[in-house]
Amino acid sequence: MMTGQSGDELLAELKNSVGREEVYHAPDEMGRPVFRQYALAIGDFNPLYRDREFARGHGLRDVMAPPTLICETWQYVDEDMNELGELIGRGEIRELGGLRAGNDYEFFQPIHPDDVITARRKVKNVYEKTGRSGHLVFQEIEVSFYNQRDELLVRNNETLFYRL
């Protein structure tokens, strides 16, 4: 929950977010180093992520990104730091501070190093539940990722939760 915000205010803000869409356009290509570093970080040593010849031998035009890279990083956001190097917001929807309750990924085609990503993030639903740990609000968000040719790469249906 945002500092100084009551549970009722947060609930109202979440409900008002339904239907809101944010669009992010990356300033740069994805790049091979990002693929390699992410694969190392998650412990996935598939040569499709680092070896061009291997990737071409398997029908790809170049190496590809580990599938969840695009959903787990914000490298497509072009304004994540200000001129002082301080982190800044990534849109109104993201600023509410929810915790991840789950993801459902759909992968449509590989992401290559020269791809420039556009992400479209839209709140689809907000609902309340009361459980053992108290009153919770859930927010369902659909994020669709496209390349520079406006081809759908990945869709991520993410659920966040908030304690009131």
N, C-alpha and C. Protein backbone atom coordinates (compact mmCIF):
# COMPACT_ATOMS: atom_id res chain seq x y z
N MET A 1 0.84 -1.17 0.00
CA MET A 1 0.00 0.00 0.00
C MET A 1 0.89 1.23 0.00
N MET A 2 0.48 2.25 -0.72
CA MET A 2 1.23 3.50 -0.75
C MET A 2 1.18 4.16 0.62
N THR A 3 2.26 4.81 1.01
CA THR A 3 2.35 5.46 2.31
C THR A 3 1.25 6.51 2.47
N GLY A 4 0.61 6.50 3.63
CA GLY A 4 -0.40 7.50 3.93
C GLY A 4 -1.75 7.23 3.30
N GLN A 5 -1.93 6.10 2.67
CA GLN A 5 -3.19 5.81 1.99
C GLN A 5 -3.98 4.80 2.81
N SER A 6 -5.26 5.08 3.05
CA SER A 6 -6.10 4.16 3.80
C SER A 6 -6.52 2.99 2.92
N GLY A 7 -7.03 1.95 3.55
CA GLY A 7 -7.51 0.79 2.80
C GLY A 7 -8.64 1.15 1.85
N ASP A 8 -9.54 2.04 2.29
CA ASP A 8 -10.65 2.46 1.43
C ASP A 8 -10.15 3.25 0.22
N GLU A 9 -9.14 4.10 0.46
CA GLU A 9 -8.57 4.88 -0.66
C GLU A 9 -7.87 3.97 -1.66
N LEU A 10 -7.12 2.98 -1.15
CA LEU A 10 -6.45 2.03 -2.04
C LEU A 10 -7.47 1.24 -2.83
N LEU A 11 -8.51 0.74 -2.18
CA LEU A 11 -9.54 -0.02 -2.86
C LEU A 11 -10.20 0.81 -3.96
N ALA A 12 -10.52 2.06 -3.66
CA ALA A 12 -11.13 2.94 -4.67
C ALA A 12 -10.18 3.16 -5.84
N GLU A 13 -8.91 3.37 -5.54
CA GLU A 13 -7.93 3.58 -6.62
C GLU A 13 -7.77 2.33 -7.49
N LEU A 14 -7.75 1.17 -6.85
CA LEU A 14 -7.65 -0.08 -7.61
C LEU A 14 -8.87 -0.28 -8.50
N LYS A 15 -10.05 -0.04 -7.95
CA LYS A 15 -11.27 -0.20 -8.75
C LYS A 15 -11.29 0.80 -9.92
N ASN A 16 -10.79 1.99 -9.69
CA ASN A 16 -10.73 2.99 -10.77
C ASN A 16 -9.69 2.66 -11.83
N SER A 17 -8.78 1.73 -11.53
CA SER A 17 -7.74 1.38 -12.50
C SER A 17 -8.24 0.42 -13.58
N VAL A 18 -9.39 -0.23 -13.37
CA VAL A 18 -9.90 -1.19 -14.34
C VAL A 18 -10.13 -0.49 -15.68
N GLY A 19 -9.58 -1.08 -16.72
CA GLY A 19 -9.69 -0.53 -18.07
C GLY A 19 -8.56 0.41 -18.44
N ARG A 20 -7.80 0.86 -17.45
CA ARG A 20 -6.69 1.78 -17.72
C ARG A 20 -5.55 1.02 -18.42
N GLU A 21 -4.98 1.64 -19.42
CA GLU A 21 -3.88 1.03 -20.15
C GLU A 21 -2.67 1.96 -20.16
N GLU A 22 -1.50 1.37 -20.01
CA GLU A 22 -0.23 2.09 -20.13
C GLU A 22 0.55 1.43 -21.25
N VAL A 23 1.23 2.22 -22.05
CA VAL A 23 2.04 1.70 -23.15
C VAL A 23 3.46 2.19 -22.95
N TYR A 24 4.40 1.26 -23.03
CA TYR A 24 5.81 1.56 -22.87
C TYR A 24 6.54 1.19 -24.15
N HIS A 25 7.38 2.08 -24.65
CA HIS A 25 8.19 1.82 -25.84
C HIS A 25 9.66 1.81 -25.43
N ALA A 26 10.34 0.71 -25.72
CA ALA A 26 11.75 0.61 -25.36
C ALA A 26 12.59 1.58 -26.17
N PRO A 27 13.65 2.11 -25.58
CA PRO A 27 14.53 3.00 -26.31
C PRO A 27 15.59 2.27 -27.12
N ASP A 28 15.80 0.97 -26.84
CA ASP A 28 16.90 0.22 -27.45
C ASP A 28 16.46 -1.19 -27.82
N GLU A 29 17.33 -1.83 -28.60
CA GLU A 29 17.15 -3.25 -28.90
C GLU A 29 17.40 -4.06 -27.62
N MET A 30 16.90 -5.27 -27.59
CA MET A 30 17.08 -6.13 -26.42
C MET A 30 18.56 -6.44 -26.16
N GLY A 31 19.25 -6.99 -27.15
CA GLY A 31 20.69 -7.24 -27.06
C GLY A 31 21.06 -8.60 -26.48
N ARG A 32 22.11 -9.19 -27.05
CA ARG A 32 22.59 -10.50 -26.61
C ARG A 32 23.06 -10.55 -25.15
N PRO A 33 23.76 -9.52 -24.65
CA PRO A 33 24.24 -9.61 -23.27
C PRO A 33 23.10 -9.78 -22.25
N VAL A 34 21.97 -9.15 -22.49
CA VAL A 34 20.83 -9.28 -21.58
C VAL A 34 20.35 -10.73 -21.56
N PHE A 35 20.29 -11.38 -22.72
CA PHE A 35 19.85 -12.78 -22.79
C PHE A 35 20.80 -13.66 -21.98
N ARG A 36 22.10 -13.49 -22.24
CA ARG A 36 23.12 -14.31 -21.59
C ARG A 36 23.10 -14.10 -20.07
N GLN A 37 23.05 -12.85 -19.63
CA GLN A 37 23.07 -12.57 -18.20
C GLN A 37 21.82 -13.10 -17.49
N TYR A 38 20.67 -12.95 -18.12
CA TYR A 38 19.43 -13.45 -17.52
C TYR A 38 19.48 -14.98 -17.42
N ALA A 39 19.93 -15.63 -18.49
CA ALA A 39 20.03 -17.10 -18.48
C ALA A 39 20.96 -17.56 -17.36
N LEU A 40 22.08 -16.88 -17.18
CA LEU A 40 23.00 -17.22 -16.09
C LEU A 40 22.33 -17.00 -14.74
N ALA A 41 21.61 -15.91 -14.60
CA ALA A 41 20.96 -15.58 -13.33
C ALA A 41 19.93 -16.62 -12.92
N ILE A 42 19.22 -17.18 -13.89
CA ILE A 42 18.19 -18.17 -13.56
C ILE A 42 18.72 -19.60 -13.66
N GLY A 43 19.99 -19.75 -14.06
CA GLY A 43 20.61 -21.08 -14.12
C GLY A 43 20.15 -21.90 -15.30
N ASP A 44 19.78 -21.27 -16.40
CA ASP A 44 19.33 -21.99 -17.61
C ASP A 44 20.42 -21.84 -18.67
N PHE A 45 21.12 -22.92 -18.95
CA PHE A 45 22.28 -22.89 -19.82
C PHE A 45 21.98 -23.38 -21.23
N ASN A 46 20.76 -23.21 -21.67
CA ASN A 46 20.35 -23.61 -23.02
C ASN A 46 21.17 -22.83 -24.05
N PRO A 47 21.84 -23.51 -24.98
CA PRO A 47 22.65 -22.81 -25.98
C PRO A 47 21.84 -21.94 -26.94
N LEU A 48 20.52 -22.09 -26.97
CA LEU A 48 19.70 -21.22 -27.81
C LEU A 48 19.80 -19.76 -27.37
N TYR A 49 20.19 -19.52 -26.12
CA TYR A 49 20.26 -18.17 -25.57
C TYR A 49 21.62 -17.50 -25.76
N ARG A 50 22.64 -18.27 -26.20
CA ARG A 50 23.99 -17.70 -26.26
C ARG A 50 24.80 -18.09 -27.49
N ASP A 51 24.42 -19.14 -28.21
CA ASP A 51 25.23 -19.66 -29.32
C ASP A 51 24.48 -19.46 -30.64
N ARG A 52 24.92 -18.48 -31.43
CA ARG A 52 24.24 -18.14 -32.70
C ARG A 52 24.16 -19.33 -33.65
N GLU A 53 25.26 -20.03 -33.82
CA GLU A 53 25.27 -21.16 -34.76
C GLU A 53 24.31 -22.26 -34.31
N PHE A 54 24.29 -22.53 -33.04
CA PHE A 54 23.36 -23.52 -32.50
C PHE A 54 21.93 -23.08 -32.76
N ALA A 55 21.64 -21.80 -32.48
CA ALA A 55 20.28 -21.27 -32.69
C ALA A 55 19.89 -21.36 -34.16
N ARG A 56 20.79 -20.97 -35.05
CA ARG A 56 20.50 -21.06 -36.50
C ARG A 56 20.27 -22.50 -36.92
N GLY A 57 21.04 -23.41 -36.36
CA GLY A 57 20.87 -24.83 -36.65
C GLY A 57 19.52 -25.38 -36.19
N HIS A 58 18.85 -24.64 -35.35
CA HIS A 58 17.52 -25.04 -34.86
C HIS A 58 16.41 -24.14 -35.40
N GLY A 59 16.70 -23.50 -36.55
CA GLY A 59 15.66 -22.75 -37.26
C GLY A 59 15.46 -21.32 -36.84
N LEU A 60 16.27 -20.81 -35.93
CA LEU A 60 16.14 -19.41 -35.51
C LEU A 60 17.07 -18.53 -36.34
N ARG A 61 16.76 -17.25 -36.46
CA ARG A 61 17.64 -16.35 -37.21
C ARG A 61 18.80 -15.85 -36.38
N ASP A 62 18.72 -16.01 -35.07
CA ASP A 62 19.77 -15.58 -34.14
C ASP A 62 19.45 -16.24 -32.80
N VAL A 63 20.24 -15.94 -31.77
CA VAL A 63 19.90 -16.44 -30.44
C VAL A 63 18.55 -15.87 -30.03
N MET A 64 17.93 -16.49 -29.05
CA MET A 64 16.64 -16.02 -28.57
C MET A 64 16.73 -15.74 -27.07
N ALA A 65 15.78 -14.97 -26.58
CA ALA A 65 15.72 -14.67 -25.15
C ALA A 65 15.15 -15.86 -24.39
N PRO A 66 15.61 -16.10 -23.16
CA PRO A 66 14.90 -17.04 -22.31
C PRO A 66 13.44 -16.56 -22.23
N PRO A 67 12.48 -17.46 -22.35
CA PRO A 67 11.08 -17.04 -22.52
C PRO A 67 10.54 -16.03 -21.52
N THR A 68 10.84 -16.16 -20.25
CA THR A 68 10.24 -15.25 -19.27
C THR A 68 11.01 -13.94 -19.09
N LEU A 69 12.13 -13.77 -19.77
CA LEU A 69 12.92 -12.55 -19.62
C LEU A 69 12.07 -11.29 -19.79
N ILE A 70 11.29 -11.24 -20.83
CA ILE A 70 10.52 -10.04 -21.15
C ILE A 70 9.49 -9.72 -20.06
N CYS A 71 8.99 -10.75 -19.39
CA CYS A 71 7.97 -10.54 -18.36
C CYS A 71 8.57 -10.22 -16.99
N GLU A 72 9.82 -10.53 -16.79
CA GLU A 72 10.43 -10.39 -15.47
C GLU A 72 11.35 -9.19 -15.34
N THR A 73 11.58 -8.48 -16.42
CA THR A 73 12.46 -7.32 -16.37
C THR A 73 11.73 -6.13 -16.95
N TRP A 74 12.28 -4.94 -16.72
CA TRP A 74 11.67 -3.71 -17.22
C TRP A 74 12.59 -3.00 -18.19
N GLN A 75 13.39 -3.75 -18.95
CA GLN A 75 14.33 -3.12 -19.87
C GLN A 75 13.63 -2.40 -21.02
N TYR A 76 12.36 -2.61 -21.19
CA TYR A 76 11.63 -1.90 -22.24
C TYR A 76 11.13 -0.53 -21.78
N VAL A 77 11.32 -0.20 -20.52
CA VAL A 77 10.90 1.11 -20.02
C VAL A 77 12.04 2.09 -20.24
N ASP A 78 11.74 3.22 -20.86
CA ASP A 78 12.81 4.15 -21.22
C ASP A 78 13.08 5.23 -20.19
N GLU A 79 12.32 5.32 -19.13
CA GLU A 79 12.53 6.37 -18.14
C GLU A 79 12.50 5.82 -16.72
N ASP A 80 13.40 4.86 -16.43
CA ASP A 80 13.38 4.27 -15.10
C ASP A 80 14.29 4.98 -14.11
N MET A 81 15.11 5.96 -14.57
CA MET A 81 15.93 6.76 -13.67
C MET A 81 15.93 8.21 -14.13
N ASN A 82 15.99 9.10 -13.17
CA ASN A 82 16.06 10.50 -13.54
C ASN A 82 17.53 10.91 -13.74
N GLU A 83 17.76 12.18 -14.00
CA GLU A 83 19.12 12.66 -14.28
C GLU A 83 20.07 12.51 -13.10
N LEU A 84 19.54 12.31 -11.90
CA LEU A 84 20.37 12.11 -10.70
C LEU A 84 20.62 10.64 -10.42
N GLY A 85 20.08 9.76 -11.29
CA GLY A 85 20.25 8.33 -11.08
C GLY A 85 19.29 7.73 -10.08
N GLU A 86 18.23 8.48 -9.72
CA GLU A 86 17.24 7.99 -8.77
C GLU A 86 16.14 7.24 -9.53
N LEU A 87 15.66 6.15 -8.94
CA LEU A 87 14.56 5.42 -9.56
C LEU A 87 13.31 6.28 -9.56
N ILE A 88 12.61 6.26 -10.68
CA ILE A 88 11.35 6.99 -10.76
C ILE A 88 10.24 6.01 -11.12
N GLY A 89 9.02 6.47 -11.08
CA GLY A 89 7.86 5.62 -11.30
C GLY A 89 7.79 5.02 -12.68
N ARG A 90 7.02 3.97 -12.76
CA ARG A 90 6.81 3.28 -14.03
C ARG A 90 5.32 3.26 -14.36
N GLY A 91 4.67 4.38 -14.12
CA GLY A 91 3.27 4.49 -14.46
C GLY A 91 2.38 4.36 -13.25
N GLU A 92 1.18 4.91 -13.38
CA GLU A 92 0.23 4.92 -12.26
C GLU A 92 -0.15 3.52 -11.81
N ILE A 93 -0.36 2.60 -12.76
CA ILE A 93 -0.81 1.26 -12.39
C ILE A 93 0.25 0.57 -11.54
N ARG A 94 1.52 0.74 -11.86
CA ARG A 94 2.61 0.07 -11.18
C ARG A 94 2.92 0.66 -9.80
N GLU A 95 2.50 1.89 -9.54
CA GLU A 95 2.88 2.59 -8.32
C GLU A 95 2.10 2.14 -7.09
N LEU A 96 1.11 1.30 -7.23
CA LEU A 96 0.27 0.94 -6.11
C LEU A 96 0.91 -0.07 -5.16
N GLY A 97 1.96 -0.75 -5.59
CA GLY A 97 2.74 -1.59 -4.69
C GLY A 97 2.16 -2.94 -4.36
N GLY A 98 1.47 -3.57 -5.28
CA GLY A 98 0.93 -4.90 -5.02
C GLY A 98 2.01 -5.97 -5.02
N LEU A 99 1.68 -7.12 -4.45
CA LEU A 99 2.57 -8.28 -4.46
C LEU A 99 2.04 -9.30 -5.46
N ARG A 100 2.94 -10.01 -6.08
CA ARG A 100 2.54 -10.97 -7.12
C ARG A 100 1.85 -12.18 -6.52
N ALA A 101 0.69 -12.50 -7.09
CA ALA A 101 -0.07 -13.68 -6.67
C ALA A 101 0.00 -14.78 -7.73
N GLY A 102 0.43 -14.44 -8.94
CA GLY A 102 0.55 -15.46 -9.98
C GLY A 102 0.66 -14.85 -11.36
N ASN A 103 1.14 -15.66 -12.28
CA ASN A 103 1.27 -15.27 -13.68
C ASN A 103 0.83 -16.42 -14.56
N ASP A 104 0.28 -16.08 -15.71
CA ASP A 104 -0.08 -17.05 -16.74
C ASP A 104 0.51 -16.52 -18.03
N TYR A 105 1.52 -17.21 -18.57
CA TYR A 105 2.24 -16.75 -19.75
C TYR A 105 1.75 -17.45 -21.01
N GLU A 106 1.70 -16.70 -22.10
CA GLU A 106 1.48 -17.27 -23.43
C GLU A 106 2.62 -16.76 -24.31
N PHE A 107 3.37 -17.68 -24.92
CA PHE A 107 4.50 -17.31 -25.77
C PHE A 107 4.13 -17.57 -27.22
N PHE A 108 4.29 -16.56 -28.06
CA PHE A 108 3.87 -16.66 -29.46
C PHE A 108 5.03 -16.81 -30.43
N GLN A 109 6.17 -16.17 -30.16
CA GLN A 109 7.35 -16.33 -31.00
C GLN A 109 8.58 -15.88 -30.22
N PRO A 110 9.77 -16.35 -30.68
CA PRO A 110 11.00 -15.99 -29.97
C PRO A 110 11.28 -14.49 -30.03
N ILE A 111 11.97 -14.03 -28.99
CA ILE A 111 12.45 -12.65 -28.94
C ILE A 111 13.93 -12.69 -29.30
N HIS A 112 14.33 -11.87 -30.27
CA HIS A 112 15.70 -11.85 -30.76
C HIS A 112 16.42 -10.58 -30.29
N PRO A 113 17.77 -10.59 -30.34
CA PRO A 113 18.54 -9.45 -29.84
C PRO A 113 18.21 -8.11 -30.48
N ASP A 114 17.80 -8.11 -31.75
CA ASP A 114 17.51 -6.84 -32.42
C ASP A 114 16.08 -6.37 -32.22
N ASP A 115 15.28 -7.10 -31.46
CA ASP A 115 13.90 -6.69 -31.21
C ASP A 115 13.86 -5.48 -30.29
N VAL A 116 12.99 -4.54 -30.64
CA VAL A 116 12.71 -3.36 -29.83
C VAL A 116 11.28 -3.55 -29.32
N ILE A 117 11.12 -3.55 -28.03
CA ILE A 117 9.87 -3.98 -27.40
C ILE A 117 8.93 -2.82 -27.09
N THR A 118 7.65 -3.06 -27.33
CA THR A 118 6.59 -2.21 -26.83
C THR A 118 5.72 -3.09 -25.94
N ALA A 119 5.44 -2.60 -24.74
CA ALA A 119 4.59 -3.33 -23.80
C ALA A 119 3.30 -2.55 -23.61
N ARG A 120 2.19 -3.26 -23.69
CA ARG A 120 0.88 -2.67 -23.42
C ARG A 120 0.33 -3.35 -22.17
N ARG A 121 0.12 -2.57 -21.14
CA ARG A 121 -0.28 -3.08 -19.83
C ARG A 121 -1.65 -2.54 -19.48
N LYS A 122 -2.61 -3.45 -19.25
CA LYS A 122 -3.98 -3.03 -19.01
C LYS A 122 -4.57 -3.79 -17.82
N VAL A 123 -5.22 -3.03 -16.93
CA VAL A 123 -5.91 -3.65 -15.79
C VAL A 123 -7.24 -4.22 -16.30
N LYS A 124 -7.43 -5.51 -16.07
CA LYS A 124 -8.62 -6.20 -16.56
C LYS A 124 -9.71 -6.35 -15.50
N ASN A 125 -9.30 -6.50 -14.22
CA ASN A 125 -10.30 -6.79 -13.20
C ASN A 125 -9.73 -6.49 -11.81
N VAL A 126 -10.60 -6.14 -10.87
CA VAL A 126 -10.26 -5.97 -9.46
C VAL A 126 -11.38 -6.64 -8.67
N TYR A 127 -11.00 -7.47 -7.68
CA TYR A 127 -12.00 -8.12 -6.84
C TYR A 127 -11.44 -8.32 -5.44
N GLU A 128 -12.36 -8.50 -4.49
CA GLU A 128 -11.99 -8.63 -3.08
C GLU A 128 -12.24 -10.06 -2.60
N LYS A 129 -11.42 -10.48 -1.61
CA LYS A 129 -11.60 -11.77 -0.95
C LYS A 129 -11.17 -11.62 0.50
N THR A 130 -11.80 -12.39 1.36
CA THR A 130 -11.38 -12.45 2.75
C THR A 130 -10.94 -13.88 3.01
N GLY A 131 -9.73 -14.01 3.53
CA GLY A 131 -9.16 -15.32 3.82
C GLY A 131 -8.62 -15.36 5.23
N ARG A 132 -7.83 -16.39 5.51
CA ARG A 132 -7.24 -16.57 6.85
C ARG A 132 -6.37 -15.39 7.25
N SER A 133 -5.72 -14.77 6.25
CA SER A 133 -4.80 -13.67 6.58
C SER A 133 -5.49 -12.30 6.54
N GLY A 134 -6.79 -12.28 6.34
CA GLY A 134 -7.51 -11.02 6.36
C GLY A 134 -8.11 -10.65 5.01
N HIS A 135 -8.41 -9.38 4.88
CA HIS A 135 -9.08 -8.85 3.69
C HIS A 135 -8.04 -8.52 2.61
N LEU A 136 -8.24 -9.08 1.42
CA LEU A 136 -7.32 -8.87 0.31
C LEU A 136 -8.07 -8.34 -0.90
N VAL A 137 -7.36 -7.58 -1.71
CA VAL A 137 -7.88 -7.12 -3.00
C VAL A 137 -6.94 -7.65 -4.07
N PHE A 138 -7.52 -8.22 -5.12
CA PHE A 138 -6.74 -8.77 -6.23
C PHE A 138 -6.95 -7.90 -7.47
N GLN A 139 -5.87 -7.74 -8.21
CA GLN A 139 -5.90 -6.94 -9.44
C GLN A 139 -5.33 -7.81 -10.56
N GLU A 140 -6.13 -8.02 -11.61
CA GLU A 140 -5.68 -8.80 -12.76
C GLU A 140 -5.25 -7.85 -13.87
N ILE A 141 -4.03 -8.06 -14.36
CA ILE A 141 -3.43 -7.18 -15.35
C ILE A 141 -2.94 -8.02 -16.52
N GLU A 142 -3.26 -7.57 -17.72
CA GLU A 142 -2.76 -8.22 -18.93
C GLU A 142 -1.67 -7.35 -19.54
N VAL A 143 -0.51 -7.95 -19.78
CA VAL A 143 0.59 -7.23 -20.42
C VAL A 143 0.92 -7.98 -21.71
N SER A 144 0.82 -7.27 -22.84
CA SER A 144 1.15 -7.85 -24.14
C SER A 144 2.41 -7.17 -24.65
N PHE A 145 3.34 -7.97 -25.15
CA PHE A 145 4.63 -7.47 -25.61
C PHE A 145 4.73 -7.66 -27.12
N TYR A 146 5.14 -6.60 -27.81
CA TYR A 146 5.24 -6.59 -29.27
C TYR A 146 6.65 -6.19 -29.67
N ASN A 147 7.07 -6.64 -30.88
CA ASN A 147 8.35 -6.19 -31.41
C ASN A 147 8.15 -4.97 -32.31
N GLN A 148 9.21 -4.54 -32.94
CA GLN A 148 9.18 -3.34 -33.78
C GLN A 148 8.30 -3.51 -35.02
N ARG A 149 7.94 -4.73 -35.36
CA ARG A 149 7.03 -4.98 -36.50
C ARG A 149 5.59 -5.16 -36.01
N ASP A 150 5.34 -4.83 -34.75
CA ASP A 150 4.03 -4.94 -34.11
C ASP A 150 3.52 -6.39 -34.10
N GLU A 151 4.45 -7.34 -34.01
CA GLU A 151 4.10 -8.76 -33.90
C GLU A 151 4.02 -9.12 -32.42
N LEU A 152 2.95 -9.80 -32.05
CA LEU A 152 2.77 -10.22 -30.66
C LEU A 152 3.81 -11.28 -30.31
N LEU A 153 4.58 -11.02 -29.25
CA LEU A 153 5.62 -11.94 -28.80
C LEU A 153 5.15 -12.77 -27.61
N VAL A 154 4.64 -12.09 -26.60
CA VAL A 154 4.27 -12.73 -25.34
C VAL A 154 3.07 -12.01 -24.75
N ARG A 155 2.22 -12.76 -24.07
CA ARG A 155 1.16 -12.17 -23.27
C ARG A 155 1.31 -12.74 -21.85
N ASN A 156 1.28 -11.85 -20.88
CA ASN A 156 1.40 -12.22 -19.48
C ASN A 156 0.15 -11.74 -18.74
N ASN A 157 -0.61 -12.67 -18.21
CA ASN A 157 -1.74 -12.32 -17.36
C ASN A 157 -1.25 -12.46 -15.92
N GLU A 158 -1.14 -11.30 -15.26
CA GLU A 158 -0.55 -11.24 -13.93
C GLU A 158 -1.62 -10.89 -12.91
N THR A 159 -1.55 -11.53 -11.76
CA THR A 159 -2.44 -11.20 -10.66
C THR A 159 -1.60 -10.66 -9.51
N LEU A 160 -1.99 -9.48 -9.04
CA LEU A 160 -1.35 -8.86 -7.87
C LEU A 160 -2.36 -8.86 -6.73
N PHE A 161 -1.85 -8.85 -5.49
CA PHE A 161 -2.76 -8.70 -4.36
C PHE A 161 -2.26 -7.61 -3.43
N TYR A 162 -3.22 -7.05 -2.70
CA TYR A 162 -2.99 -5.95 -1.78
C TYR A 162 -3.70 -6.27 -0.48
N ARG A 163 -3.04 -6.03 0.64
CA ARG A 163 -3.70 -6.18 1.96
C ARG A 163 -4.32 -4.84 2.33
N LEU A 164 -5.56 -4.88 2.74
CA LEU A 164 -6.23 -3.63 3.17
C LEU A 164 -6.12 -3.48 4.67
